[in-house]
ModelCIF file with pLDDT and N, C-alpha, C, O atoms, coordinates in Angstrom:
data_MODEL
#
_entry.id   MODEL 
#
_entity.id                         1 
_entity.type                       polymer 
_entity.pdbx_number_of_molecules   1 
#
_entity_poly.entity_id                      1 
_entity_poly.type                           'polypeptide(L)' 
_entity_poly.nstd_linkage                   no 
_entity_poly.nstd_monomer                   no 
_entity_poly.pdbx_seq_one_letter_code       ASRIDDLHNYQAWLGGTATRKPIWAVPQSFSIPEDYWSRDPTSD 
_entity_poly.pdbx_seq_one_letter_code_can   ASRIDDLHNYQAWLGGTATRKPIWAVPQSFSIPEDYWSRDPTSD 
_entity_poly.pdbx_strand_id                 A 
#
loop_
_entity_poly_seq.entity_id 
_entity_poly_seq.num 
_entity_poly_seq.mon_id 
_entity_poly_seq.hetero 
1 1  ALA n 
1 2  SER n 
1 3  ARG n 
1 4  ILE n 
1 5  ASP n 
1 6  ASP n 
1 7  LEU n 
1 8  HIS n 
1 9  ASN n 
1 10 TYR n 
1 11 GLN n 
1 12 ALA n 
1 13 TRP n 
1 14 LEU n 
1 15 GLY n 
1 16 GLY n 
1 17 THR n 
1 18 ALA n 
1 19 THR n 
1 20 ARG n 
1 21 LYS n 
1 22 PRO n 
1 23 ILE n 
1 24 TRP n 
1 25 ALA n 
1 26 VAL n 
1 27 PRO n 
1 28 GLN n 
1 29 SER n 
1 30 PHE n 
1 31 SER n 
1 32 ILE n 
1 33 PRO n 
1 34 GLU n 
1 35 ASP n 
1 36 TYR n 
1 37 TRP n 
1 38 SER n 
1 39 ARG n 
1 40 ASP n 
1 41 PRO n 
1 42 THR n 
1 43 SER n 
1 44 ASP n 
#
_struct_asym.id          A 
_struct_asym.entity_id   1 
#
loop_
_ma_qa_metric.id 
_ma_qa_metric.mode 
_ma_qa_metric.name 
_ma_qa_metric.software_group_id 
_ma_qa_metric.type 
1 global pLDDT . pLDDT 
2 local  pLDDT . pLDDT 
#
_ma_qa_metric_global.metric_id      1 
_ma_qa_metric_global.metric_value   93.02 
_ma_qa_metric_global.model_id       1 
_ma_qa_metric_global.ordinal_id     1 
#
loop_
_ma_qa_metric_local.label_asym_id 
_ma_qa_metric_local.label_comp_id 
_ma_qa_metric_local.label_seq_id 
_ma_qa_metric_local.metric_id 
_ma_qa_metric_local.metric_value 
_ma_qa_metric_local.model_id 
_ma_qa_metric_local.ordinal_id 
A ALA 1  2 98.00 1 1  
A SER 2  2 98.00 1 2  
A ARG 3  2 98.00 1 3  
A ILE 4  2 98.00 1 4  
A ASP 5  2 98.00 1 5  
A ASP 6  2 98.00 1 6  
A LEU 7  2 98.00 1 7  
A HIS 8  2 98.00 1 8  
A ASN 9  2 97.00 1 9  
A TYR 10 2 98.00 1 10 
A GLN 11 2 97.00 1 11 
A ALA 12 2 96.00 1 12 
A TRP 13 2 97.00 1 13 
A LEU 14 2 96.00 1 14 
A GLY 15 2 94.00 1 15 
A GLY 16 2 85.00 1 16 
A THR 17 2 76.00 1 17 
A ALA 18 2 78.00 1 18 
A THR 19 2 87.00 1 19 
A ARG 20 2 94.00 1 20 
A LYS 21 2 97.00 1 21 
A PRO 22 2 98.00 1 22 
A ILE 23 2 98.00 1 23 
A TRP 24 2 98.00 1 24 
A ALA 25 2 98.00 1 25 
A VAL 26 2 98.00 1 26 
A PRO 27 2 98.00 1 27 
A GLN 28 2 97.00 1 28 
A SER 29 2 96.00 1 29 
A PHE 30 2 92.00 1 30 
A SER 31 2 83.00 1 31 
A ILE 32 2 76.00 1 32 
A PRO 33 2 70.00 1 33 
A GLU 34 2 73.00 1 34 
A ASP 35 2 83.00 1 35 
A TYR 36 2 93.00 1 36 
A TRP 37 2 94.00 1 37 
A SER 38 2 93.00 1 38 
A ARG 39 2 94.00 1 39 
A ASP 40 2 95.00 1 40 
A PRO 41 2 97.00 1 41 
A THR 42 2 97.00 1 42 
A SER 43 2 98.00 1 43 
A ASP 44 2 98.00 1 44 
#
loop_
_atom_site.group_PDB 
_atom_site.id 
_atom_site.type_symbol 
_atom_site.label_atom_id 
_atom_site.label_alt_id 
_atom_site.label_comp_id 
_atom_site.label_asym_id 
_atom_site.label_entity_id 
_atom_site.label_seq_id 
_atom_site.pdbx_PDB_ins_code 
_atom_site.Cartn_x 
_atom_site.Cartn_y 
_atom_site.Cartn_z 
_atom_site.occupancy 
_atom_site.B_iso_or_equiv 
_atom_site.pdbx_formal_charge 
_atom_site.auth_seq_id 
_atom_site.auth_comp_id 
_atom_site.auth_asym_id 
_atom_site.auth_atom_id 
_atom_site.pdbx_PDB_model_num 
ATOM 1   N N  . ALA A 1 1  ? -1.754  0.006   7.598  1.00 98.00 ? 1  ALA A N  1 
ATOM 2   C CA . ALA A 1 1  ? -3.115  0.280   7.139  1.00 98.00 ? 1  ALA A CA 1 
ATOM 3   C C  . ALA A 1 1  ? -4.017  -0.932  7.333  1.00 98.00 ? 1  ALA A C  1 
ATOM 4   O O  . ALA A 1 1  ? -5.170  -0.795  7.743  1.00 98.00 ? 1  ALA A O  1 
ATOM 5   N N  . SER A 1 2  ? -3.493  -2.116  7.040  1.00 98.00 ? 2  SER A N  1 
ATOM 6   C CA . SER A 1 2  ? -4.299  -3.332  7.177  1.00 98.00 ? 2  SER A CA 1 
ATOM 7   C C  . SER A 1 2  ? -4.719  -3.558  8.617  1.00 98.00 ? 2  SER A C  1 
ATOM 8   O O  . SER A 1 2  ? -5.855  -3.952  8.881  1.00 98.00 ? 2  SER A O  1 
ATOM 9   N N  . ARG A 1 3  ? -3.798  -3.308  9.560  1.00 98.00 ? 3  ARG A N  1 
ATOM 10  C CA . ARG A 1 3  ? -4.136  -3.542  10.965 1.00 98.00 ? 3  ARG A CA 1 
ATOM 11  C C  . ARG A 1 3  ? -5.207  -2.556  11.442 1.00 98.00 ? 3  ARG A C  1 
ATOM 12  O O  . ARG A 1 3  ? -6.108  -2.938  12.188 1.00 98.00 ? 3  ARG A O  1 
ATOM 13  N N  . ILE A 1 4  ? -5.116  -1.314  11.026 1.00 98.00 ? 4  ILE A N  1 
ATOM 14  C CA . ILE A 1 4  ? -6.148  -0.338  11.402 1.00 98.00 ? 4  ILE A CA 1 
ATOM 15  C C  . ILE A 1 4  ? -7.486  -0.727  10.785 1.00 98.00 ? 4  ILE A C  1 
ATOM 16  O O  . ILE A 1 4  ? -8.524  -0.634  11.440 1.00 98.00 ? 4  ILE A O  1 
ATOM 17  N N  . ASP A 1 5  ? -7.463  -1.161  9.529  1.00 98.00 ? 5  ASP A N  1 
ATOM 18  C CA . ASP A 1 5  ? -8.699  -1.632  8.885  1.00 98.00 ? 5  ASP A CA 1 
ATOM 19  C C  . ASP A 1 5  ? -9.290  -2.802  9.659  1.00 98.00 ? 5  ASP A C  1 
ATOM 20  O O  . ASP A 1 5  ? -10.503 -2.869  9.862  1.00 98.00 ? 5  ASP A O  1 
ATOM 21  N N  . ASP A 1 6  ? -8.429  -3.730  10.095 1.00 98.00 ? 6  ASP A N  1 
ATOM 22  C CA . ASP A 1 6  ? -8.905  -4.881  10.863 1.00 98.00 ? 6  ASP A CA 1 
ATOM 23  C C  . ASP A 1 6  ? -9.652  -4.429  12.111 1.00 98.00 ? 6  ASP A C  1 
ATOM 24  O O  . ASP A 1 6  ? -10.747 -4.919  12.389 1.00 98.00 ? 6  ASP A O  1 
ATOM 25  N N  . LEU A 1 7  ? -9.071  -3.501  12.863 1.00 98.00 ? 7  LEU A N  1 
ATOM 26  C CA . LEU A 1 7  ? -9.693  -3.072  14.110 1.00 98.00 ? 7  LEU A CA 1 
ATOM 27  C C  . LEU A 1 7  ? -11.027 -2.372  13.852 1.00 98.00 ? 7  LEU A C  1 
ATOM 28  O O  . LEU A 1 7  ? -11.981 -2.554  14.608 1.00 98.00 ? 7  LEU A O  1 
ATOM 29  N N  . HIS A 1 8  ? -11.094 -1.576  12.789 1.00 98.00 ? 8  HIS A N  1 
ATOM 30  C CA . HIS A 1 8  ? -12.382 -0.967  12.430 1.00 98.00 ? 8  HIS A CA 1 
ATOM 31  C C  . HIS A 1 8  ? -13.403 -2.053  12.060 1.00 98.00 ? 8  HIS A C  1 
ATOM 32  O O  . HIS A 1 8  ? -14.568 -1.973  12.449 1.00 98.00 ? 8  HIS A O  1 
ATOM 33  N N  . ASN A 1 9  ? -12.958 -3.064  11.309 1.00 97.00 ? 9  ASN A N  1 
ATOM 34  C CA . ASN A 1 9  ? -13.863 -4.147  10.911 1.00 97.00 ? 9  ASN A CA 1 
ATOM 35  C C  . ASN A 1 9  ? -14.380 -4.908  12.125 1.00 97.00 ? 9  ASN A C  1 
ATOM 36  O O  . ASN A 1 9  ? -15.568 -5.223  12.200 1.00 97.00 ? 9  ASN A O  1 
ATOM 37  N N  . TYR A 1 10 ? -13.497 -5.205  13.075 1.00 98.00 ? 10 TYR A N  1 
ATOM 38  C CA . TYR A 1 10 ? -13.931 -5.954  14.255 1.00 98.00 ? 10 TYR A CA 1 
ATOM 39  C C  . TYR A 1 10 ? -14.985 -5.173  15.038 1.00 98.00 ? 10 TYR A C  1 
ATOM 40  O O  . TYR A 1 10 ? -15.948 -5.754  15.538 1.00 98.00 ? 10 TYR A O  1 
ATOM 41  N N  . GLN A 1 11 ? -14.802 -3.871  15.140 1.00 97.00 ? 11 GLN A N  1 
ATOM 42  C CA . GLN A 1 11 ? -15.808 -3.072  15.825 1.00 97.00 ? 11 GLN A CA 1 
ATOM 43  C C  . GLN A 1 11 ? -17.148 -3.128  15.083 1.00 97.00 ? 11 GLN A C  1 
ATOM 44  O O  . GLN A 1 11 ? -18.211 -3.219  15.699 1.00 97.00 ? 11 GLN A O  1 
ATOM 45  N N  . ALA A 1 12 ? -17.077 -3.074  13.771 1.00 96.00 ? 12 ALA A N  1 
ATOM 46  C CA . ALA A 1 12 ? -18.312 -3.169  12.979 1.00 96.00 ? 12 ALA A CA 1 
ATOM 47  C C  . ALA A 1 12 ? -18.974 -4.531  13.161 1.00 96.00 ? 12 ALA A C  1 
ATOM 48  O O  . ALA A 1 12 ? -20.199 -4.627  13.230 1.00 96.00 ? 12 ALA A O  1 
ATOM 49  N N  . TRP A 1 13 ? -18.161 -5.582  13.239 1.00 97.00 ? 13 TRP A N  1 
ATOM 50  C CA . TRP A 1 13 ? -18.724 -6.916  13.459 1.00 97.00 ? 13 TRP A CA 1 
ATOM 51  C C  . TRP A 1 13 ? -19.446 -7.005  14.797 1.00 97.00 ? 13 TRP A C  1 
ATOM 52  O O  . TRP A 1 13 ? -20.499 -7.634  14.902 1.00 97.00 ? 13 TRP A O  1 
ATOM 53  N N  . LEU A 1 14 ? -18.874 -6.369  15.822 1.00 96.00 ? 14 LEU A N  1 
ATOM 54  C CA . LEU A 1 14 ? -19.483 -6.418  17.148 1.00 96.00 ? 14 LEU A CA 1 
ATOM 55  C C  . LEU A 1 14 ? -20.757 -5.582  17.204 1.00 96.00 ? 14 LEU A C  1 
ATOM 56  O O  . LEU A 1 14 ? -21.698 -5.922  17.921 1.00 96.00 ? 14 LEU A O  1 
ATOM 57  N N  . GLY A 1 15 ? -20.785 -4.476  16.436 1.00 94.00 ? 15 GLY A N  1 
ATOM 58  C CA . GLY A 1 15 ? -21.960 -3.622  16.406 1.00 94.00 ? 15 GLY A CA 1 
ATOM 59  C C  . GLY A 1 15 ? -22.091 -2.800  17.668 1.00 94.00 ? 15 GLY A C  1 
ATOM 60  O O  . GLY A 1 15 ? -21.193 -2.784  18.510 1.00 94.00 ? 15 GLY A O  1 
ATOM 61  N N  . GLY A 1 16 ? -23.213 -2.120  17.791 1.00 85.00 ? 16 GLY A N  1 
ATOM 62  C CA . GLY A 1 16 ? -23.463 -1.293  18.956 1.00 85.00 ? 16 GLY A CA 1 
ATOM 63  C C  . GLY A 1 16 ? -22.574 -0.059  18.978 1.00 85.00 ? 16 GLY A C  1 
ATOM 64  O O  . GLY A 1 16 ? -22.004 0.331   17.959 1.00 85.00 ? 16 GLY A O  1 
ATOM 65  N N  . THR A 1 17 ? -22.463 0.551   20.155 1.00 76.00 ? 17 THR A N  1 
ATOM 66  C CA . THR A 1 17 ? -21.674 1.774   20.275 1.00 76.00 ? 17 THR A CA 1 
ATOM 67  C C  . THR A 1 17 ? -20.183 1.511   20.173 1.00 76.00 ? 17 THR A C  1 
ATOM 68  O O  . THR A 1 17 ? -19.404 2.454   20.032 1.00 76.00 ? 17 THR A O  1 
ATOM 69  N N  . ALA A 1 18 ? -19.761 0.237   20.240 1.00 78.00 ? 18 ALA A N  1 
ATOM 70  C CA . ALA A 1 18 ? -18.337 -0.078  20.096 1.00 78.00 ? 18 ALA A CA 1 
ATOM 71  C C  . ALA A 1 18 ? -17.799 0.343   18.734 1.00 78.00 ? 18 ALA A C  1 
ATOM 72  O O  . ALA A 1 18 ? -16.588 0.485   18.564 1.00 78.00 ? 18 ALA A O  1 
ATOM 73  N N  . THR A 1 19 ? -18.681 0.541   17.773 1.00 87.00 ? 19 THR A N  1 
ATOM 74  C CA . THR A 1 19 ? -18.226 0.898   16.430 1.00 87.00 ? 19 THR A CA 1 
ATOM 75  C C  . THR A 1 19 ? -17.593 2.279   16.391 1.00 87.00 ? 19 THR A C  1 
ATOM 76  O O  . THR A 1 19 ? -16.933 2.613   15.407 1.00 87.00 ? 19 THR A O  1 
ATOM 77  N N  . ARG A 1 20 ? -17.772 3.093   17.424 1.00 94.00 ? 20 ARG A N  1 
ATOM 78  C CA . ARG A 1 20 ? -17.262 4.463   17.405 1.00 94.00 ? 20 ARG A CA 1 
ATOM 79  C C  . ARG A 1 20 ? -16.017 4.654   18.275 1.00 94.00 ? 20 ARG A C  1 
ATOM 80  O O  . ARG A 1 20 ? -15.599 5.793   18.485 1.00 94.00 ? 20 ARG A O  1 
ATOM 81  N N  . LYS A 1 21 ? -15.421 3.596   18.780 1.00 97.00 ? 21 LYS A N  1 
ATOM 82  C CA . LYS A 1 21 ? -14.194 3.775   19.555 1.00 97.00 ? 21 LYS A CA 1 
ATOM 83  C C  . LYS A 1 21 ? -13.061 4.211   18.631 1.00 97.00 ? 21 LYS A C  1 
ATOM 84  O O  . LYS A 1 21 ? -12.834 3.581   17.598 1.00 97.00 ? 21 LYS A O  1 
ATOM 85  N N  . PRO A 1 22 ? -12.343 5.287   18.990 1.00 98.00 ? 22 PRO A N  1 
ATOM 86  C CA . PRO A 1 22 ? -11.239 5.735   18.133 1.00 98.00 ? 22 PRO A CA 1 
ATOM 87  C C  . PRO A 1 22 ? -10.114 4.695   18.076 1.00 98.00 ? 22 PRO A C  1 
ATOM 88  O O  . PRO A 1 22 ? -9.880  3.948   19.026 1.00 98.00 ? 22 PRO A O  1 
ATOM 89  N N  . ILE A 1 23 ? -9.428  4.676   16.925 1.00 98.00 ? 23 ILE A N  1 
ATOM 90  C CA . ILE A 1 23 ? -8.233  3.862   16.736 1.00 98.00 ? 23 ILE A CA 1 
ATOM 91  C C  . ILE A 1 23 ? -7.032  4.801   16.685 1.00 98.00 ? 23 ILE A C  1 
ATOM 92  O O  . ILE A 1 23 ? -7.040  5.789   15.952 1.00 98.00 ? 23 ILE A O  1 
ATOM 93  N N  . TRP A 1 24 ? -6.011  4.490   17.458 1.00 98.00 ? 24 TRP A N  1 
ATOM 94  C CA . TRP A 1 24 ? -4.762  5.247   17.443 1.00 98.00 ? 24 TRP A CA 1 
ATOM 95  C C  . TRP A 1 24 ? -3.644  4.375   16.895 1.00 98.00 ? 24 TRP A C  1 
ATOM 96  O O  . TRP A 1 24 ? -3.645  3.158   17.080 1.00 98.00 ? 24 TRP A O  1 
ATOM 97  N N  . ALA A 1 25 ? -2.696  5.003   16.224 1.00 98.00 ? 25 ALA A N  1 
ATOM 98  C CA . ALA A 1 25 ? -1.564  4.277   15.645 1.00 98.00 ? 25 ALA A CA 1 
ATOM 99  C C  . ALA A 1 25 ? -0.333  4.396   16.534 1.00 98.00 ? 25 ALA A C  1 
ATOM 100 O O  . ALA A 1 25 ? -0.050  5.453   17.099 1.00 98.00 ? 25 ALA A O  1 
ATOM 101 N N  . VAL A 1 26 ? 0.387   3.291   16.643 1.00 98.00 ? 26 VAL A N  1 
ATOM 102 C CA . VAL A 1 26 ? 1.685   3.256   17.328 1.00 98.00 ? 26 VAL A CA 1 
ATOM 103 C C  . VAL A 1 26 ? 2.704   2.744   16.310 1.00 98.00 ? 26 VAL A C  1 
ATOM 104 O O  . VAL A 1 26 ? 3.056   1.565   16.334 1.00 98.00 ? 26 VAL A O  1 
ATOM 105 N N  . PRO A 1 27 ? 3.182   3.611   15.417 1.00 98.00 ? 27 PRO A N  1 
ATOM 106 C CA . PRO A 1 27 ? 4.070   3.144   14.357 1.00 98.00 ? 27 PRO A CA 1 
ATOM 107 C C  . PRO A 1 27 ? 5.479   2.871   14.871 1.00 98.00 ? 27 PRO A C  1 
ATOM 108 O O  . PRO A 1 27 ? 5.851   3.256   15.980 1.00 98.00 ? 27 PRO A O  1 
ATOM 109 N N  . GLN A 1 28 ? 6.229   2.206   14.041 1.00 97.00 ? 28 GLN A N  1 
ATOM 110 C CA . GLN A 1 28 ? 7.601   1.791   14.360 1.00 97.00 ? 28 GLN A CA 1 
ATOM 111 C C  . GLN A 1 28 ? 8.552   2.967   14.153 1.00 97.00 ? 28 GLN A C  1 
ATOM 112 O O  . GLN A 1 28 ? 8.661   3.507   13.052 1.00 97.00 ? 28 GLN A O  1 
ATOM 113 N N  . SER A 1 29 ? 9.238   3.356   15.228 1.00 96.00 ? 29 SER A N  1 
ATOM 114 C CA . SER A 1 29 ? 10.193  4.450   15.103 1.00 96.00 ? 29 SER A CA 1 
ATOM 115 C C  . SER A 1 29 ? 11.345  4.263   16.089 1.00 96.00 ? 29 SER A C  1 
ATOM 116 O O  . SER A 1 29 ? 11.890  5.233   16.616 1.00 96.00 ? 29 SER A O  1 
ATOM 117 N N  . PHE A 1 30 ? 11.700  3.023   16.325 1.00 92.00 ? 30 PHE A N  1 
ATOM 118 C CA . PHE A 1 30 ? 12.788  2.741   17.254 1.00 92.00 ? 30 PHE A CA 1 
ATOM 119 C C  . PHE A 1 30 ? 14.056  2.398   16.489 1.00 92.00 ? 30 PHE A C  1 
ATOM 120 O O  . PHE A 1 30 ? 14.015  2.048   15.310 1.00 92.00 ? 30 PHE A O  1 
ATOM 121 N N  . SER A 1 31 ? 15.169  2.502   17.175 1.00 83.00 ? 31 SER A N  1 
ATOM 122 C CA . SER A 1 31 ? 16.461  2.196   16.576 1.00 83.00 ? 31 SER A CA 1 
ATOM 123 C C  . SER A 1 31 ? 16.914  0.815   17.017 1.00 83.00 ? 31 SER A C  1 
ATOM 124 O O  . SER A 1 31 ? 16.704  0.413   18.161 1.00 83.00 ? 31 SER A O  1 
ATOM 125 N N  . ILE A 1 32 ? 17.537  0.097   16.096 1.00 76.00 ? 32 ILE A N  1 
ATOM 126 C CA . ILE A 1 32 ? 18.069  -1.216  16.432 1.00 76.00 ? 32 ILE A CA 1 
ATOM 127 C C  . ILE A 1 32 ? 19.231  -1.034  17.397 1.00 76.00 ? 32 ILE A C  1 
ATOM 128 O O  . ILE A 1 32 ? 19.764  0.074   17.454 1.00 76.00 ? 32 ILE A O  1 
ATOM 129 N N  . PRO A 1 33 ? 19.669  -2.036  18.163 1.00 70.00 ? 33 PRO A N  1 
ATOM 130 C CA . PRO A 1 33 ? 19.288  -3.436  17.985 1.00 70.00 ? 33 PRO A CA 1 
ATOM 131 C C  . PRO A 1 33 ? 17.961  -3.798  18.661 1.00 70.00 ? 33 PRO A C  1 
ATOM 132 O O  . PRO A 1 33 ? 17.680  -3.372  19.781 1.00 70.00 ? 33 PRO A O  1 
ATOM 133 N N  . GLU A 1 34 ? 17.173  -4.577  17.968 1.00 73.00 ? 34 GLU A N  1 
ATOM 134 C CA . GLU A 1 34 ? 15.969  -5.197  18.499 1.00 73.00 ? 34 GLU A CA 1 
ATOM 135 C C  . GLU A 1 34 ? 15.927  -6.624  17.978 1.00 73.00 ? 34 GLU A C  1 
ATOM 136 O O  . GLU A 1 34 ? 16.534  -6.941  16.955 1.00 73.00 ? 34 GLU A O  1 
ATOM 137 N N  . ASP A 1 35 ? 15.196  -7.493  18.699 1.00 83.00 ? 35 ASP A N  1 
ATOM 138 C CA . ASP A 1 35 ? 15.263  -8.920  18.394 1.00 83.00 ? 35 ASP A CA 1 
ATOM 139 C C  . ASP A 1 35 ? 14.738  -9.278  17.008 1.00 83.00 ? 35 ASP A C  1 
ATOM 140 O O  . ASP A 1 35 ? 15.295  -10.154 16.345 1.00 83.00 ? 35 ASP A O  1 
ATOM 141 N N  . TYR A 1 36 ? 13.690  -8.622  16.568 1.00 93.00 ? 36 TYR A N  1 
ATOM 142 C CA . TYR A 1 36 ? 13.004  -9.047  15.353 1.00 93.00 ? 36 TYR A CA 1 
ATOM 143 C C  . TYR A 1 36 ? 13.257  -8.142  14.159 1.00 93.00 ? 36 TYR A C  1 
ATOM 144 O O  . TYR A 1 36 ? 12.932  -8.509  13.030 1.00 93.00 ? 36 TYR A O  1 
ATOM 145 N N  . TRP A 1 37 ? 13.831  -6.967  14.385 1.00 94.00 ? 37 TRP A N  1 
ATOM 146 C CA . TRP A 1 37 ? 13.906  -5.943  13.367 1.00 94.00 ? 37 TRP A CA 1 
ATOM 147 C C  . TRP A 1 37 ? 15.364  -5.664  13.021 1.00 94.00 ? 37 TRP A C  1 
ATOM 148 O O  . TRP A 1 37 ? 16.167  -5.354  13.902 1.00 94.00 ? 37 TRP A O  1 
ATOM 149 N N  . SER A 1 38 ? 15.702  -5.772  11.747 1.00 93.00 ? 38 SER A N  1 
ATOM 150 C CA . SER A 1 38 ? 17.101  -5.696  11.325 1.00 93.00 ? 38 SER A CA 1 
ATOM 151 C C  . SER A 1 38 ? 17.582  -4.279  11.075 1.00 93.00 ? 38 SER A C  1 
ATOM 152 O O  . SER A 1 38 ? 18.785  -4.046  10.956 1.00 93.00 ? 38 SER A O  1 
ATOM 153 N N  . ARG A 1 39 ? 16.651  -3.319  10.993 1.00 94.00 ? 39 ARG A N  1 
ATOM 154 C CA . ARG A 1 39 ? 17.072  -1.943  10.680 1.00 94.00 ? 39 ARG A CA 1 
ATOM 155 C C  . ARG A 1 39 ? 16.002  -0.961  11.120 1.00 94.00 ? 39 ARG A C  1 
ATOM 156 O O  . ARG A 1 39 ? 14.865  -1.340  11.402 1.00 94.00 ? 39 ARG A O  1 
ATOM 157 N N  . ASP A 1 40 ? 16.390  0.319   11.174 1.00 95.00 ? 40 ASP A N  1 
ATOM 158 C CA . ASP A 1 40 ? 15.436  1.395   11.430 1.00 95.00 ? 40 ASP A CA 1 
ATOM 159 C C  . ASP A 1 40 ? 14.587  1.647   10.179 1.00 95.00 ? 40 ASP A C  1 
ATOM 160 O O  . ASP A 1 40 ? 15.035  1.360   9.069  1.00 95.00 ? 40 ASP A O  1 
ATOM 161 N N  . PRO A 1 41 ? 13.382  2.173   10.340 1.00 97.00 ? 41 PRO A N  1 
ATOM 162 C CA . PRO A 1 41 ? 12.685  2.703   9.170  1.00 97.00 ? 41 PRO A CA 1 
ATOM 163 C C  . PRO A 1 41 ? 13.448  3.903   8.608  1.00 97.00 ? 41 PRO A C  1 
ATOM 164 O O  . PRO A 1 41 ? 14.100  4.635   9.352  1.00 97.00 ? 41 PRO A O  1 
ATOM 165 N N  . THR A 1 42 ? 13.364  4.093   7.323  1.00 97.00 ? 42 THR A N  1 
ATOM 166 C CA . THR A 1 42 ? 13.876  5.330   6.738  1.00 97.00 ? 42 THR A CA 1 
ATOM 167 C C  . THR A 1 42 ? 12.884  6.456   7.027  1.00 97.00 ? 42 THR A C  1 
ATOM 168 O O  . THR A 1 42 ? 11.757  6.206   7.454  1.00 97.00 ? 42 THR A O  1 
ATOM 169 N N  . SER A 1 43 ? 13.307  7.682   6.795  1.00 98.00 ? 43 SER A N  1 
ATOM 170 C CA . SER A 1 43 ? 12.385  8.806   6.974  1.00 98.00 ? 43 SER A CA 1 
ATOM 171 C C  . SER A 1 43 ? 11.163  8.658   6.075  1.00 98.00 ? 43 SER A C  1 
ATOM 172 O O  . SER A 1 43 ? 10.035  8.901   6.503  1.00 98.00 ? 43 SER A O  1 
ATOM 173 N N  . ASP A 1 44 ? 11.395  8.258   4.820  1.00 98.00 ? 44 ASP A N  1 
ATOM 174 C CA . ASP A 1 44 ? 10.264  8.092   3.899  1.00 98.00 ? 44 ASP A CA 1 
ATOM 175 C C  . ASP A 1 44 ? 9.306   7.012   4.397  1.00 98.00 ? 44 ASP A C  1 
ATOM 176 O O  . ASP A 1 44 ? 8.297   6.736   3.750  1.00 98.00 ? 44 ASP A O  1 
#
């Protein structure tokens, strides 16, 4: 949520028509092993 809020805020800071660019989410849904992540997200 914080990252999406950040991107909306940056667009507002820039002003102009950039304020209306859609934001899409790319959430974490991969299975380990990965370098930085020790486990999968739970369903919840």
